[in-house]
């Protein structure tokens, strides 16, 4: 799978890219904010986008998901802020929610 990983925390990006590469996935690009994420998706056409909810200033991960959604692309909202509202908003744009820290659930969501 070709992935774009988006998080404003460099340590999280490092952990996720290491783990997902060890699982055999191609990390086409990483991004630390919404604009870079949208550009990376346009340039690399990933099959899967893993995006944090809170990206600092500017649009959040749900807005990124809305802008990069397309048929056949899986979008995973990877966040510490799991609530009924976040899940509802994510599902409305075609994203699934995975809580940060649960790498097993993230791996499953990438290939599901």
N, C-alpha and C. Protein backbone atom coordinates (compact mmCIF):
# COMPACT_ATOMS: atom_id res chain seq x y z
N UNK A 1 0.83 -1.19 0.00
CA UNK A 1 0.00 0.00 0.00
C UNK A 1 0.88 1.25 0.00
N UNK A 2 0.46 2.23 -0.76
CA UNK A 2 1.13 3.53 -0.78
C UNK A 2 0.36 4.46 0.17
N UNK A 3 1.09 5.07 1.11
CA UNK A 3 0.46 5.88 2.15
C UNK A 3 1.04 7.29 2.20
N UNK A 4 0.20 8.21 2.67
CA UNK A 4 0.64 9.52 3.13
C UNK A 4 0.28 9.59 4.61
N UNK A 5 1.24 9.99 5.43
CA UNK A 5 1.05 10.08 6.88
C UNK A 5 1.14 11.55 7.29
N UNK A 6 0.13 12.01 8.03
CA UNK A 6 0.03 13.43 8.37
C UNK A 6 -0.13 13.59 9.89
N UNK A 7 0.79 14.32 10.49
CA UNK A 7 0.71 14.63 11.91
C UNK A 7 1.63 15.81 12.17
N UNK A 8 1.24 16.71 13.07
CA UNK A 8 2.10 17.86 13.35
C UNK A 8 3.15 17.54 14.41
N UNK A 9 3.22 16.30 14.86
CA UNK A 9 4.22 15.87 15.82
C UNK A 9 5.23 14.97 15.10
N UNK A 10 6.46 15.44 14.97
CA UNK A 10 7.49 14.70 14.23
C UNK A 10 7.74 13.31 14.83
N UNK A 11 7.65 13.19 16.14
CA UNK A 11 7.87 11.89 16.79
C UNK A 11 6.79 10.89 16.39
N UNK A 12 5.56 11.35 16.26
CA UNK A 12 4.47 10.46 15.83
C UNK A 12 4.69 10.03 14.39
N UNK A 13 5.07 10.97 13.53
CA UNK A 13 5.35 10.60 12.14
C UNK A 13 6.45 9.56 12.08
N UNK A 14 7.51 9.77 12.86
CA UNK A 14 8.63 8.82 12.87
C UNK A 14 8.16 7.42 13.30
N UNK A 15 7.38 7.35 14.37
CA UNK A 15 6.88 6.07 14.86
C UNK A 15 5.99 5.39 13.82
N UNK A 16 5.04 6.14 13.27
CA UNK A 16 4.10 5.54 12.31
C UNK A 16 4.80 5.10 11.03
N UNK A 17 5.70 5.92 10.53
CA UNK A 17 6.37 5.52 9.29
C UNK A 17 7.24 4.29 9.51
N UNK A 18 7.93 4.23 10.63
CA UNK A 18 8.73 3.04 10.94
C UNK A 18 7.85 1.81 11.03
N UNK A 19 6.79 1.89 11.80
CA UNK A 19 5.90 0.74 11.99
C UNK A 19 5.26 0.30 10.67
N UNK A 20 4.74 1.25 9.92
CA UNK A 20 4.04 0.89 8.69
C UNK A 20 5.00 0.40 7.60
N UNK A 21 6.22 0.91 7.58
CA UNK A 21 7.23 0.37 6.65
C UNK A 21 7.59 -1.06 7.02
N UNK A 22 7.71 -1.32 8.32
CA UNK A 22 8.01 -2.70 8.76
C UNK A 22 6.88 -3.65 8.38
N UNK A 23 5.67 -3.11 8.25
CA UNK A 23 4.53 -3.92 7.81
C UNK A 23 4.51 -4.09 6.29
N UNK A 24 5.47 -3.47 5.60
CA UNK A 24 5.60 -3.65 4.16
C UNK A 24 4.96 -2.56 3.31
N UNK A 25 4.53 -1.47 3.94
CA UNK A 25 3.86 -0.40 3.20
C UNK A 25 4.87 0.63 2.70
N UNK A 26 4.51 1.29 1.61
CA UNK A 26 5.31 2.34 1.00
C UNK A 26 4.81 3.68 1.53
N UNK A 27 5.64 4.39 2.30
CA UNK A 27 5.26 5.71 2.78
C UNK A 27 5.72 6.69 1.70
N UNK A 28 4.78 7.12 0.88
CA UNK A 28 5.11 8.00 -0.24
C UNK A 28 5.50 9.39 0.24
N UNK A 29 4.86 9.86 1.32
CA UNK A 29 5.15 11.20 1.83
C UNK A 29 4.61 11.33 3.24
N UNK A 30 5.17 12.31 3.94
CA UNK A 30 4.64 12.72 5.24
C UNK A 30 4.36 14.21 5.18
N UNK A 31 3.50 14.67 6.05
CA UNK A 31 3.16 16.09 6.10
C UNK A 31 2.85 16.47 7.54
N UNK A 32 3.11 17.74 7.85
CA UNK A 32 2.89 18.23 9.21
C UNK A 32 1.71 19.18 9.30
N UNK A 33 1.10 19.52 8.17
CA UNK A 33 -0.06 20.42 8.22
C UNK A 33 -1.00 20.09 7.06
N UNK A 34 -2.16 20.72 7.09
CA UNK A 34 -3.21 20.41 6.12
C UNK A 34 -2.78 20.71 4.68
N UNK A 35 -2.18 21.87 4.46
CA UNK A 35 -1.80 22.23 3.10
C UNK A 35 -0.79 21.25 2.51
N UNK A 36 0.21 20.88 3.29
CA UNK A 36 1.21 19.92 2.83
C UNK A 36 0.58 18.56 2.59
N UNK A 37 -0.39 18.19 3.42
CA UNK A 37 -1.09 16.91 3.25
C UNK A 37 -1.86 16.87 1.94
N UNK A 38 -2.56 17.94 1.65
CA UNK A 38 -3.36 18.01 0.42
C UNK A 38 -2.44 17.97 -0.80
N UNK A 39 -1.33 18.69 -0.75
CA UNK A 39 -0.36 18.65 -1.86
C UNK A 39 0.23 17.26 -2.03
N UNK A 40 0.58 16.60 -0.92
CA UNK A 40 1.17 15.26 -0.99
C UNK A 40 0.19 14.26 -1.60
N UNK A 41 -1.07 14.37 -1.25
CA UNK A 41 -2.07 13.47 -1.81
C UNK A 41 -2.25 13.71 -3.31
N UNK A 42 -2.20 14.96 -3.73
CA UNK A 42 -2.31 15.27 -5.16
C UNK A 42 -1.10 14.75 -5.92
N UNK A 43 0.07 14.86 -5.32
CA UNK A 43 1.29 14.44 -6.00
C UNK A 43 1.49 12.93 -6.02
N UNK A 44 1.22 12.25 -4.92
CA UNK A 44 1.55 10.83 -4.79
C UNK A 44 0.37 9.88 -4.95
N UNK A 45 -0.85 10.40 -4.97
CA UNK A 45 -2.05 9.58 -5.14
C UNK A 45 -2.03 8.32 -4.26
N UNK A 46 -1.98 8.50 -2.93
CA UNK A 46 -1.90 7.34 -2.05
C UNK A 46 -3.20 6.54 -2.02
N UNK A 47 -3.05 5.28 -1.69
CA UNK A 47 -4.22 4.42 -1.48
C UNK A 47 -4.82 4.65 -0.09
N UNK A 48 -3.94 5.06 0.85
CA UNK A 48 -4.35 5.27 2.23
C UNK A 48 -3.74 6.58 2.74
N UNK A 49 -4.55 7.35 3.46
CA UNK A 49 -4.08 8.56 4.12
C UNK A 49 -4.33 8.38 5.61
N UNK A 50 -3.28 8.51 6.41
CA UNK A 50 -3.39 8.47 7.87
C UNK A 50 -3.20 9.91 8.33
N UNK A 51 -4.22 10.48 8.96
CA UNK A 51 -4.16 11.91 9.31
C UNK A 51 -4.63 12.13 10.74
N UNK A 52 -3.88 12.95 11.46
CA UNK A 52 -4.25 13.34 12.81
C UNK A 52 -5.40 14.33 12.75
N UNK A 53 -6.21 14.38 13.79
CA UNK A 53 -7.31 15.34 13.85
C UNK A 53 -6.78 16.77 14.02
N UNK A 54 -5.94 16.97 15.01
CA UNK A 54 -5.45 18.31 15.34
C UNK A 54 -4.09 18.52 14.68
N UNK A 55 -4.07 19.48 13.76
CA UNK A 55 -2.85 19.74 12.98
C UNK A 55 -2.29 21.14 13.25
N UNK A 56 -2.64 21.73 14.37
CA UNK A 56 -2.17 23.08 14.65
C UNK A 56 -3.05 24.10 13.94
N UNK A 57 -2.45 25.19 13.51
CA UNK A 57 -3.21 26.25 12.83
C UNK A 57 -3.70 25.75 11.48
N UNK A 58 -4.84 26.26 11.09
CA UNK A 58 -5.39 25.88 9.79
C UNK A 58 -6.39 24.74 9.91
N UNK A 59 -6.76 24.16 8.77
CA UNK A 59 -7.76 23.09 8.75
C UNK A 59 -7.34 21.88 9.59
N UNK A 60 -8.35 21.18 10.12
CA UNK A 60 -8.06 19.97 10.89
C UNK A 60 -8.05 18.74 9.98
N UNK A 61 -7.81 17.59 10.59
CA UNK A 61 -7.72 16.35 9.83
C UNK A 61 -9.01 15.95 9.13
N UNK A 62 -10.14 16.32 9.69
CA UNK A 62 -11.42 15.99 9.03
C UNK A 62 -11.57 16.81 7.76
N UNK A 63 -11.14 18.06 7.79
CA UNK A 63 -11.18 18.88 6.58
C UNK A 63 -10.20 18.34 5.53
N UNK A 64 -9.03 17.90 5.97
CA UNK A 64 -8.10 17.26 5.04
C UNK A 64 -8.76 16.04 4.41
N UNK A 65 -9.39 15.23 5.23
CA UNK A 65 -10.07 14.03 4.72
C UNK A 65 -11.12 14.40 3.68
N UNK A 66 -11.90 15.43 3.97
CA UNK A 66 -12.93 15.86 3.02
C UNK A 66 -12.30 16.27 1.68
N UNK A 67 -11.19 16.98 1.74
CA UNK A 67 -10.58 17.49 0.52
C UNK A 67 -9.84 16.42 -0.29
N UNK A 68 -9.32 15.40 0.36
CA UNK A 68 -8.54 14.40 -0.38
C UNK A 68 -9.33 13.11 -0.67
N UNK A 69 -10.57 13.04 -0.18
CA UNK A 69 -11.37 11.83 -0.39
C UNK A 69 -11.61 11.59 -1.88
N UNK A 70 -11.55 10.33 -2.25
CA UNK A 70 -11.90 9.91 -3.61
C UNK A 70 -12.23 8.43 -3.55
N UNK A 71 -12.97 7.92 -4.53
CA UNK A 71 -13.31 6.50 -4.52
C UNK A 71 -12.04 5.63 -4.45
N UNK A 72 -12.08 4.65 -3.58
CA UNK A 72 -10.97 3.71 -3.46
C UNK A 72 -9.87 4.15 -2.52
N UNK A 73 -9.90 5.38 -2.04
CA UNK A 73 -8.88 5.85 -1.10
C UNK A 73 -9.41 5.69 0.33
N UNK A 74 -8.63 5.03 1.16
CA UNK A 74 -8.99 4.84 2.56
C UNK A 74 -8.38 5.99 3.37
N UNK A 75 -9.18 6.59 4.21
CA UNK A 75 -8.70 7.68 5.06
C UNK A 75 -8.91 7.29 6.51
N UNK A 76 -7.82 7.36 7.26
CA UNK A 76 -7.85 6.98 8.67
C UNK A 76 -7.54 8.21 9.51
N UNK A 77 -8.48 8.60 10.34
CA UNK A 77 -8.28 9.69 11.28
C UNK A 77 -7.65 9.09 12.53
N UNK A 78 -6.40 9.42 12.77
CA UNK A 78 -5.60 8.84 13.85
C UNK A 78 -5.49 9.90 14.94
N UNK A 79 -6.22 9.73 16.05
CA UNK A 79 -6.35 10.82 17.00
C UNK A 79 -6.48 10.36 18.45
N UNK A 80 -6.11 11.25 19.34
CA UNK A 80 -6.36 11.05 20.77
C UNK A 80 -7.75 11.51 21.16
N UNK A 81 -8.41 12.23 20.27
CA UNK A 81 -9.68 12.88 20.60
C UNK A 81 -10.86 12.10 20.02
N UNK A 82 -11.06 10.90 20.51
CA UNK A 82 -12.14 10.05 20.03
C UNK A 82 -13.40 10.36 20.84
N UNK A 83 -14.43 10.77 20.14
CA UNK A 83 -15.72 11.04 20.76
C UNK A 83 -16.80 10.71 19.73
N UNK A 84 -18.04 10.66 20.18
CA UNK A 84 -19.14 10.39 19.26
C UNK A 84 -19.20 11.45 18.16
N UNK A 85 -18.95 12.71 18.52
CA UNK A 85 -18.98 13.79 17.54
C UNK A 85 -17.87 13.64 16.51
N UNK A 86 -16.65 13.34 16.96
CA UNK A 86 -15.53 13.17 16.04
C UNK A 86 -15.79 12.00 15.10
N UNK A 87 -16.29 10.89 15.64
CA UNK A 87 -16.59 9.73 14.81
C UNK A 87 -17.65 10.07 13.77
N UNK A 88 -18.69 10.77 14.19
CA UNK A 88 -19.76 11.16 13.27
C UNK A 88 -19.23 12.06 12.16
N UNK A 89 -18.43 13.07 12.53
CA UNK A 89 -17.86 13.98 11.53
C UNK A 89 -16.92 13.26 10.58
N UNK A 90 -16.12 12.36 11.12
CA UNK A 90 -15.18 11.61 10.28
C UNK A 90 -15.93 10.71 9.30
N UNK A 91 -16.92 9.99 9.80
CA UNK A 91 -17.69 9.09 8.93
C UNK A 91 -18.41 9.87 7.83
N UNK A 92 -18.83 11.11 8.12
CA UNK A 92 -19.54 11.92 7.14
C UNK A 92 -18.65 12.25 5.93
N UNK A 93 -17.33 12.24 6.12
CA UNK A 93 -16.42 12.49 5.00
C UNK A 93 -15.73 11.21 4.52
N UNK A 94 -16.18 10.07 5.03
CA UNK A 94 -15.66 8.79 4.57
C UNK A 94 -14.41 8.30 5.27
N UNK A 95 -14.11 8.87 6.43
CA UNK A 95 -12.92 8.45 7.18
C UNK A 95 -13.32 7.52 8.33
N UNK A 96 -12.38 6.66 8.72
CA UNK A 96 -12.56 5.83 9.90
C UNK A 96 -11.66 6.39 11.00
N UNK A 97 -12.05 6.20 12.24
CA UNK A 97 -11.31 6.75 13.38
C UNK A 97 -10.56 5.62 14.08
N UNK A 98 -9.28 5.86 14.34
CA UNK A 98 -8.45 4.94 15.11
C UNK A 98 -7.76 5.77 16.19
N UNK A 99 -7.86 5.30 17.42
CA UNK A 99 -7.25 6.02 18.53
C UNK A 99 -5.74 5.89 18.50
N UNK A 100 -5.05 7.01 18.73
CA UNK A 100 -3.59 7.00 18.79
C UNK A 100 -3.13 6.04 19.87
N UNK A 101 -2.01 5.41 19.62
CA UNK A 101 -1.44 4.47 20.58
C UNK A 101 -1.84 3.04 20.30
N UNK A 102 -2.83 2.83 19.45
CA UNK A 102 -3.27 1.47 19.13
C UNK A 102 -2.75 1.11 17.74
N UNK A 103 -1.47 0.73 17.69
CA UNK A 103 -0.85 0.41 16.40
C UNK A 103 -1.48 -0.80 15.74
N UNK A 104 -1.93 -1.75 16.53
CA UNK A 104 -2.59 -2.94 15.95
C UNK A 104 -3.86 -2.52 15.20
N UNK A 105 -4.67 -1.65 15.80
CA UNK A 105 -5.89 -1.17 15.14
C UNK A 105 -5.54 -0.36 13.89
N UNK A 106 -4.48 0.44 13.97
CA UNK A 106 -4.06 1.21 12.80
C UNK A 106 -3.63 0.29 11.67
N UNK A 107 -2.84 -0.72 11.98
CA UNK A 107 -2.42 -1.68 10.93
C UNK A 107 -3.62 -2.33 10.28
N UNK A 108 -4.60 -2.73 11.09
CA UNK A 108 -5.82 -3.36 10.53
C UNK A 108 -6.57 -2.38 9.64
N UNK A 109 -6.69 -1.13 10.09
CA UNK A 109 -7.44 -0.13 9.31
C UNK A 109 -6.75 0.15 7.98
N UNK A 110 -5.45 0.11 7.94
CA UNK A 110 -4.71 0.36 6.70
C UNK A 110 -5.05 -0.69 5.64
N UNK A 111 -5.18 -1.94 6.05
CA UNK A 111 -5.41 -3.01 5.07
C UNK A 111 -6.87 -3.43 4.93
N UNK A 112 -7.75 -2.87 5.73
CA UNK A 112 -9.18 -3.28 5.70
C UNK A 112 -9.92 -2.64 4.54
